[in-house]
Amino acid sequence: MANVHYRIVGHEDGWAYKAGDVFSECYATHDEARSAAERAAAGQRLPGATEDIEYQDEAGDWHEEVSRGTDRPETDVTG
């Protein structure tokens, strides 16, 4: 199972959360950034619809697979 880690960091004279190398929007306070990160983390855990997906990999090859709506990552928020 995949893990998504959200980390609260100082950003642009305020606060943001980071998932991997991606920053969220900027928040005025640490508490606002943490609340937003917790909402994002909770949303990642919600089940969705099972559907057929098609995607292209880095080599340019196309793939088809079934994406199960119940296959959700574990999440956590730190900072």
PDB file of N, CA and C in Angstrom:
ATOM      1  N   MET A   1       0.841  -1.174   0.000  1.00  0.00           N
ATOM      2  CA  MET A   1       0.000   0.000   0.000  1.00  0.00           C
ATOM      3  C   MET A   1       0.890   1.243   0.000  1.00  0.00           C
ATOM      4  N   ALA A   2       0.488   2.238  -0.727  1.00  0.00           N
ATOM      5  CA  ALA A   2       1.240   3.487  -0.821  1.00  0.00           C
ATOM      6  C   ALA A   2       1.055   4.333   0.434  1.00  0.00           C
ATOM      7  N   ASN A   3       2.036   5.162   0.703  1.00  0.00           N
ATOM      8  CA  ASN A   3       1.968   6.118   1.805  1.00  0.00           C
ATOM      9  C   ASN A   3       2.149   7.514   1.249  1.00  0.00           C
ATOM     10  N   VAL A   4       1.305   8.448   1.689  1.00  0.00           N
ATOM     11  CA  VAL A   4       1.435   9.851   1.315  1.00  0.00           C
ATOM     12  C   VAL A   4       1.694  10.624   2.597  1.00  0.00           C
ATOM     13  N   HIS A   5       2.827  11.323   2.639  1.00  0.00           N
ATOM     14  CA  HIS A   5       3.224  12.077   3.821  1.00  0.00           C
ATOM     15  C   HIS A   5       3.056  13.568   3.546  1.00  0.00           C
ATOM     16  N   TYR A   6       2.315  14.239   4.401  1.00  0.00           N
ATOM     17  CA  TYR A   6       2.143  15.683   4.329  1.00  0.00           C
ATOM     18  C   TYR A   6       2.976  16.302   5.444  1.00  0.00           C
ATOM     19  N   ARG A   7       3.787  17.294   5.092  1.00  0.00           N
ATOM     20  CA  ARG A   7       4.671  17.930   6.075  1.00  0.00           C
ATOM     21  C   ARG A   7       4.415  19.432   6.078  1.00  0.00           C
ATOM     22  N   ILE A   8       4.211  20.007   7.266  1.00  0.00           N
ATOM     23  CA  ILE A   8       3.981  21.438   7.400  1.00  0.00           C
ATOM     24  C   ILE A   8       5.342  22.139   7.382  1.00  0.00           C
ATOM     25  N   VAL A   9       5.475  23.167   6.521  1.00  0.00           N
ATOM     26  CA  VAL A   9       6.750  23.875   6.368  1.00  0.00           C
ATOM     27  C   VAL A   9       6.497  25.382   6.239  1.00  0.00           C
ATOM     28  N   GLY A  10       7.504  26.167   6.637  1.00  0.00           N
ATOM     29  CA  GLY A  10       7.450  27.594   6.368  1.00  0.00           C
ATOM     30  C   GLY A  10       7.597  27.813   4.868  1.00  0.00           C
ATOM     31  N   HIS A  11       6.779  28.758   4.329  1.00  0.00           N
ATOM     32  CA  HIS A  11       6.803  28.963   2.876  1.00  0.00           C
ATOM     33  C   HIS A  11       6.279  30.357   2.551  1.00  0.00           C
ATOM     34  N   GLU A  12       7.040  31.132   1.790  1.00  0.00           N
ATOM     35  CA  GLU A  12       6.634  32.462   1.310  1.00  0.00           C
ATOM     36  C   GLU A  12       6.067  33.343   2.428  1.00  0.00           C
ATOM     37  N   ASP A  13       6.813  33.524   3.497  1.00  0.00           N
ATOM     38  CA  ASP A  13       6.403  34.359   4.635  1.00  0.00           C
ATOM     39  C   ASP A  13       5.141  33.852   5.326  1.00  0.00           C
ATOM     40  N   GLY A  14       4.858  32.569   5.187  1.00  0.00           N
ATOM     41  CA  GLY A  14       3.708  31.953   5.849  1.00  0.00           C
ATOM     42  C   GLY A  14       3.976  30.483   6.043  1.00  0.00           C
ATOM     43  N   TRP A  15       2.946  29.698   5.872  1.00  0.00           N
ATOM     44  CA  TRP A  15       3.040  28.252   6.072  1.00  0.00           C
ATOM     45  C   TRP A  15       2.351  27.518   4.933  1.00  0.00           C
ATOM     46  N   ALA A  16       2.831  26.325   4.632  1.00  0.00           N
ATOM     47  CA  ALA A  16       2.235  25.475   3.601  1.00  0.00           C
ATOM     48  C   ALA A  16       2.420  24.033   4.041  1.00  0.00           C
ATOM     49  N   TYR A  17       1.778  23.138   3.324  1.00  0.00           N
ATOM     50  CA  TYR A  17       2.102  21.731   3.516  1.00  0.00           C
ATOM     51  C   TYR A  17       2.721  21.218   2.227  1.00  0.00           C
ATOM     52  N   LYS A  18       3.557  20.222   2.370  1.00  0.00           N
ATOM     53  CA  LYS A  18       4.270  19.635   1.245  1.00  0.00           C
ATOM     54  C   LYS A  18       3.935  18.159   1.159  1.00  0.00           C
ATOM     55  N   ALA A  19       3.680  17.684  -0.026  1.00  0.00           N
ATOM     56  CA  ALA A  19       3.540  16.254  -0.308  1.00  0.00           C
ATOM     57  C   ALA A  19       4.588  15.948  -1.371  1.00  0.00           C
ATOM     58  N   GLY A  20       5.622  15.215  -0.983  1.00  0.00           N
ATOM     59  CA  GLY A  20       6.752  15.023  -1.884  1.00  0.00           C
ATOM     60  C   GLY A  20       7.447  16.351  -2.095  1.00  0.00           C
ATOM     61  N   ASP A  21       7.607  16.751  -3.352  1.00  0.00           N
ATOM     62  CA  ASP A  21       8.253  18.033  -3.671  1.00  0.00           C
ATOM     63  C   ASP A  21       7.252  19.134  -3.984  1.00  0.00           C
ATOM     64  N   VAL A  22       5.959  18.871  -3.754  1.00  0.00           N
ATOM     65  CA  VAL A  22       4.912  19.804  -4.156  1.00  0.00           C
ATOM     66  C   VAL A  22       4.391  20.570  -2.945  1.00  0.00           C
ATOM     67  N   PHE A  23       4.360  21.908  -3.060  1.00  0.00           N
ATOM     68  CA  PHE A  23       3.838  22.771  -2.011  1.00  0.00           C
ATOM     69  C   PHE A  23       2.350  23.034  -2.226  1.00  0.00           C
ATOM     70  N   SER A  24       1.628  23.181  -1.128  1.00  0.00           N
ATOM     71  CA  SER A  24       0.248  23.644  -1.198  1.00  0.00           C
ATOM     72  C   SER A  24       0.266  25.157  -1.379  1.00  0.00           C
ATOM     73  N   GLU A  25      -0.908  25.749  -1.384  1.00  0.00           N
ATOM     74  CA  GLU A  25      -0.978  27.199  -1.322  1.00  0.00           C
ATOM     75  C   GLU A  25      -0.433  27.658   0.028  1.00  0.00           C
ATOM     76  N   CYS A  26      -0.186  28.935   0.160  1.00  0.00           N
ATOM     77  CA  CYS A  26       0.384  29.491   1.387  1.00  0.00           C
ATOM     78  C   CYS A  26      -0.736  29.871   2.356  1.00  0.00           C
ATOM     79  N   TYR A  27      -0.522  29.601   3.637  1.00  0.00           N
ATOM     80  CA  TYR A  27      -1.475  29.939   4.694  1.00  0.00           C
ATOM     81  C   TYR A  27      -0.809  30.900   5.670  1.00  0.00           C
ATOM     82  N   ALA A  28      -1.606  31.735   6.306  1.00  0.00           N
ATOM     83  CA  ALA A  28      -1.076  32.737   7.226  1.00  0.00           C
ATOM     84  C   ALA A  28      -0.523  32.126   8.507  1.00  0.00           C
ATOM     85  N   THR A  29      -1.132  31.045   8.973  1.00  0.00           N
ATOM     86  CA  THR A  29      -0.698  30.448  10.236  1.00  0.00           C
ATOM     87  C   THR A  29      -0.380  28.964  10.070  1.00  0.00           C
ATOM     88  N   HIS A  30       0.408  28.474  10.997  1.00  0.00           N
ATOM     89  CA  HIS A  30       0.739  27.047  11.047  1.00  0.00           C
ATOM     90  C   HIS A  30      -0.535  26.222  11.222  1.00  0.00           C
ATOM     91  N   ASP A  31      -1.439  26.664  12.093  1.00  0.00           N
ATOM     92  CA  ASP A  31      -2.683  25.922  12.340  1.00  0.00           C
ATOM     93  C   ASP A  31      -3.534  25.812  11.078  1.00  0.00           C
ATOM     94  N   GLU A  32      -3.605  26.885  10.289  1.00  0.00           N
ATOM     95  CA  GLU A  32      -4.377  26.834   9.040  1.00  0.00           C
ATOM     96  C   GLU A  32      -3.760  25.834   8.069  1.00  0.00           C
ATOM     97  N   ALA A  33      -2.431  25.832   7.965  1.00  0.00           N
ATOM     98  CA  ALA A  33      -1.752  24.893   7.065  1.00  0.00           C
ATOM     99  C   ALA A  33      -1.956  23.463   7.537  1.00  0.00           C
ATOM    100  N   ARG A  34      -1.876  23.244   8.844  1.00  0.00           N
ATOM    101  CA  ARG A  34      -2.071  21.894   9.371  1.00  0.00           C
ATOM    102  C   ARG A  34      -3.495  21.407   9.127  1.00  0.00           C
ATOM    103  N   SER A  35      -4.487  22.265   9.354  1.00  0.00           N
ATOM    104  CA  SER A  35      -5.885  21.884   9.095  1.00  0.00           C
ATOM    105  C   SER A  35      -6.091  21.528   7.629  1.00  0.00           C
ATOM    106  N   ALA A  36      -5.500  22.317   6.728  1.00  0.00           N
ATOM    107  CA  ALA A  36      -5.624  22.033   5.295  1.00  0.00           C
ATOM    108  C   ALA A  36      -4.953  20.709   4.951  1.00  0.00           C
ATOM    109  N   ALA A  37      -3.788  20.444   5.538  1.00  0.00           N
ATOM    110  CA  ALA A  37      -3.092  19.182   5.283  1.00  0.00           C
ATOM    111  C   ALA A  37      -3.896  18.000   5.804  1.00  0.00           C
ATOM    112  N   GLU A  38      -4.512  18.154   6.958  1.00  0.00           N
ATOM    113  CA  GLU A  38      -5.329  17.067   7.506  1.00  0.00           C
ATOM    114  C   GLU A  38      -6.549  16.800   6.635  1.00  0.00           C
ATOM    115  N   ARG A  39      -7.146  17.857   6.073  1.00  0.00           N
ATOM    116  CA  ARG A  39      -8.279  17.671   5.145  1.00  0.00           C
ATOM    117  C   ARG A  39      -7.820  16.948   3.875  1.00  0.00           C
ATOM    118  N   ALA A  40      -6.659  17.359   3.345  1.00  0.00           N
ATOM    119  CA  ALA A  40      -6.127  16.707   2.144  1.00  0.00           C
ATOM    120  C   ALA A  40      -5.814  15.240   2.415  1.00  0.00           C
ATOM    121  N   ALA A  41      -5.209  14.960   3.559  1.00  0.00           N
ATOM    122  CA  ALA A  41      -4.866  13.583   3.914  1.00  0.00           C
ATOM    123  C   ALA A  41      -6.119  12.732   4.061  1.00  0.00           C
ATOM    124  N   ALA A  42      -7.147  13.278   4.694  1.00  0.00           N
ATOM    125  CA  ALA A  42      -8.408  12.540   4.864  1.00  0.00           C
ATOM    126  C   ALA A  42      -9.056  12.268   3.509  1.00  0.00           C
ATOM    127  N   GLY A  43      -8.992  13.241   2.605  1.00  0.00           N
ATOM    128  CA  GLY A  43      -9.560  13.062   1.273  1.00  0.00           C
ATOM    129  C   GLY A  43      -8.870  11.964   0.487  1.00  0.00           C
ATOM    130  N   GLN A  44      -7.572  11.798   0.675  1.00  0.00           N
ATOM    131  CA  GLN A  44      -6.828  10.739  -0.011  1.00  0.00           C
ATOM    132  C   GLN A  44      -7.289   9.352   0.410  1.00  0.00           C
ATOM    133  N   ARG A  45      -7.800   9.231   1.625  1.00  0.00           N
ATOM    134  CA  ARG A  45      -8.215   7.921   2.136  1.00  0.00           C
ATOM    135  C   ARG A  45      -9.631   7.532   1.727  1.00  0.00           C
ATOM    136  N   LEU A  46     -10.405   8.463   1.169  1.00  0.00           N
ATOM    137  CA  LEU A  46     -11.788   8.167   0.800  1.00  0.00           C
ATOM    138  C   LEU A  46     -11.841   7.241  -0.413  1.00  0.00           C
ATOM    139  N   PRO A  47     -12.688   6.221  -0.356  1.00  0.00           N
ATOM    140  CA  PRO A  47     -12.809   5.345  -1.522  1.00  0.00           C
ATOM    141  C   PRO A  47     -13.483   6.070  -2.684  1.00  0.00           C
ATOM    142  N   GLY A  48     -13.163   5.640  -3.867  1.00  0.00           N
ATOM    143  CA  GLY A  48     -13.755   6.211  -5.071  1.00  0.00           C
ATOM    144  C   GLY A  48     -14.352   5.107  -5.922  1.00  0.00           C
ATOM    145  N   ALA A  49     -14.594   5.409  -7.168  1.00  0.00           N
ATOM    146  CA  ALA A  49     -15.180   4.445  -8.101  1.00  0.00           C
ATOM    147  C   ALA A  49     -14.082   3.572  -8.705  1.00  0.00           C
ATOM    148  N   THR A  50     -14.393   2.314  -8.934  1.00  0.00           N
ATOM    149  CA  THR A  50     -13.490   1.438  -9.675  1.00  0.00           C
ATOM    150  C   THR A  50     -13.690   1.738 -11.158  1.00  0.00           C
ATOM    151  N   GLU A  51     -12.598   1.952 -11.874  1.00  0.00           N
ATOM    152  CA  GLU A  51     -12.720   2.323 -13.282  1.00  0.00           C
ATOM    153  C   GLU A  51     -11.506   1.853 -14.073  1.00  0.00           C
ATOM    154  N   ASP A  52     -11.698   1.710 -15.374  1.00  0.00           N
ATOM    155  CA  ASP A  52     -10.602   1.398 -16.277  1.00  0.00           C
ATOM    156  C   ASP A  52      -9.834   2.692 -16.533  1.00  0.00           C
ATOM    157  N   ILE A  53      -8.517   2.616 -16.454  1.00  0.00           N
ATOM    158  CA  ILE A  53      -7.699   3.795 -16.740  1.00  0.00           C
ATOM    159  C   ILE A  53      -6.676   3.454 -17.818  1.00  0.00           C
ATOM    160  N   GLU A  54      -6.229   4.472 -18.500  1.00  0.00           N
ATOM    161  CA  GLU A  54      -5.206   4.343 -19.533  1.00  0.00           C
ATOM    162  C   GLU A  54      -4.184   5.434 -19.273  1.00  0.00           C
ATOM    163  N   TYR A  55      -2.896   5.085 -19.310  1.00  0.00           N
ATOM    164  CA  TYR A  55      -1.863   6.075 -19.063  1.00  0.00           C
ATOM    165  C   TYR A  55      -0.624   5.771 -19.891  1.00  0.00           C
ATOM    166  N   GLN A  56       0.180   6.806 -20.065  1.00  0.00           N
ATOM    167  CA  GLN A  56       1.421   6.696 -20.829  1.00  0.00           C
ATOM    168  C   GLN A  56       2.595   6.789 -19.854  1.00  0.00           C
ATOM    169  N   ASP A  57       3.537   5.853 -19.946  1.00  0.00           N
ATOM    170  CA  ASP A  57       4.691   5.875 -19.051  1.00  0.00           C
ATOM    171  C   ASP A  57       5.795   6.775 -19.617  1.00  0.00           C
ATOM    172  N   GLU A  58       6.905   6.871 -18.871  1.00  0.00           N
ATOM    173  CA  GLU A  58       8.003   7.753 -19.256  1.00  0.00           C
ATOM    174  C   GLU A  58       8.610   7.387 -20.615  1.00  0.00           C
ATOM    175  N   ALA A  59       8.528   6.106 -20.996  1.00  0.00           N
ATOM    176  CA  ALA A  59       9.085   5.650 -22.274  1.00  0.00           C
ATOM    177  C   ALA A  59       8.134   5.893 -23.441  1.00  0.00           C
ATOM    178  N   GLY A  60       6.929   6.406 -23.152  1.00  0.00           N
ATOM    179  CA  GLY A  60       5.956   6.663 -24.209  1.00  0.00           C
ATOM    180  C   GLY A  60       5.027   5.501 -24.505  1.00  0.00           C
ATOM    181  N   ASP A  61       5.135   4.412 -23.731  1.00  0.00           N
ATOM    182  CA  ASP A  61       4.264   3.256 -23.926  1.00  0.00           C
ATOM    183  C   ASP A  61       2.946   3.460 -23.192  1.00  0.00           C
ATOM    184  N   TRP A  62       1.860   3.018 -23.828  1.00  0.00           N
ATOM    185  CA  TRP A  62       0.535   3.151 -23.236  1.00  0.00           C
ATOM    186  C   TRP A  62       0.164   1.870 -22.493  1.00  0.00           C
ATOM    187  N   HIS A  63      -0.548   2.028 -21.387  1.00  0.00           N
ATOM    188  CA  HIS A  63      -0.970   0.909 -20.546  1.00  0.00           C
ATOM    189  C   HIS A  63      -2.441   1.076 -20.183  1.00  0.00           C
ATOM    190  N   GLU A  64      -3.119  -0.047 -20.011  1.00  0.00           N
ATOM    191  CA  GLU A  64      -4.501  -0.052 -19.529  1.00  0.00           C
ATOM    192  C   GLU A  64      -4.556  -0.925 -18.291  1.00  0.00           C
ATOM    193  N   GLU A  65      -5.305  -0.484 -17.288  1.00  0.00           N
ATOM    194  CA  GLU A  65      -5.488  -1.290 -16.089  1.00  0.00           C
ATOM    195  C   GLU A  65      -6.757  -0.854 -15.388  1.00  0.00           C
ATOM    196  N   VAL A  66      -7.154  -1.637 -14.413  1.00  0.00           N
ATOM    197  CA  VAL A  66      -8.319  -1.312 -13.604  1.00  0.00           C
ATOM    198  C   VAL A  66      -7.828  -0.649 -12.328  1.00  0.00           C
ATOM    199  N   SER A  67      -8.364   0.518 -12.036  1.00  0.00           N
ATOM    200  CA  SER A  67      -8.041   1.230 -10.810  1.00  0.00           C
ATOM    201  C   SER A  67      -9.176   0.994  -9.817  1.00  0.00           C
ATOM    202  N   ARG A  68      -8.875   0.212  -8.777  1.00  0.00           N
ATOM    203  CA  ARG A  68      -9.897  -0.088  -7.772  1.00  0.00           C
ATOM    204  C   ARG A  68     -10.108   1.124  -6.876  1.00  0.00           C
ATOM    205  N   GLY A  69     -11.334   1.511  -6.700  1.00  0.00           N
ATOM    206  CA  GLY A  69     -11.668   2.667  -5.877  1.00  0.00           C
ATOM    207  C   GLY A  69     -11.365   2.465  -4.410  1.00  0.00           C
ATOM    208  N   THR A  70     -11.178   1.228  -4.006  1.00  0.00           N
ATOM    209  CA  THR A  70     -10.873   0.953  -2.598  1.00  0.00           C
ATOM    210  C   THR A  70      -9.375   0.886  -2.334  1.00  0.00           C
ATOM    211  N   ASP A  71      -8.551   1.018  -3.370  1.00  0.00           N
ATOM    212  CA  ASP A  71      -7.099   0.967  -3.231  1.00  0.00           C
ATOM    213  C   ASP A  71      -6.590   2.372  -2.898  1.00  0.00           C
ATOM    214  N   ARG A  72      -6.644   2.736  -1.637  1.00  0.00           N
ATOM    215  CA  ARG A  72      -6.309   4.079  -1.188  1.00  0.00           C
ATOM    216  C   ARG A  72      -5.020   4.060  -0.369  1.00  0.00           C
ATOM    217  N   PRO A  73      -4.256   5.149  -0.394  1.00  0.00           N
ATOM    218  CA  PRO A  73      -2.999   5.181   0.356  1.00  0.00           C
ATOM    219  C   PRO A  73      -3.226   5.420   1.845  1.00  0.00           C
ATOM    220  N   GLU A  74      -2.224   5.083   2.627  1.00  0.00           N
ATOM    221  CA  GLU A  74      -2.180   5.516   4.022  1.00  0.00           C
ATOM    222  C   GLU A  74      -1.603   6.928   4.004  1.00  0.00           C
ATOM    223  N   THR A  75      -2.058   7.778   4.920  1.00  0.00           N
ATOM    224  CA  THR A  75      -1.584   9.162   4.959  1.00  0.00           C
ATOM    225  C   THR A  75      -1.203   9.554   6.379  1.00  0.00           C
ATOM    226  N   ASP A  76      -0.327  10.554   6.476  1.00  0.00           N
ATOM    227  CA  ASP A  76      -0.016  11.137   7.775  1.00  0.00           C
ATOM    228  C   ASP A  76       0.409  12.583   7.584  1.00  0.00           C
ATOM    229  N   VAL A  77       0.298  13.359   8.668  1.00  0.00           N
ATOM    230  CA  VAL A  77       0.662  14.774   8.671  1.00  0.00           C
ATOM    231  C   VAL A  77       1.667  14.995   9.791  1.00  0.00           C
ATOM    232  N   THR A  78       2.785  15.650   9.466  1.00  0.00           N
ATOM    233  CA  THR A  78       3.789  15.961  10.481  1.00  0.00           C
ATOM    234  C   THR A  78       4.129  17.450  10.413  1.00  0.00           C
ATOM    235  N   GLY A  79       4.629  17.962  11.511  1.00  0.00           N
ATOM    236  CA  GLY A  79       5.079  19.342  11.552  1.00  0.00           C
ATOM    237  C   GLY A  79       4.101  20.285  12.165  1.00  0.00           C
TER     238      GLY A  79
END
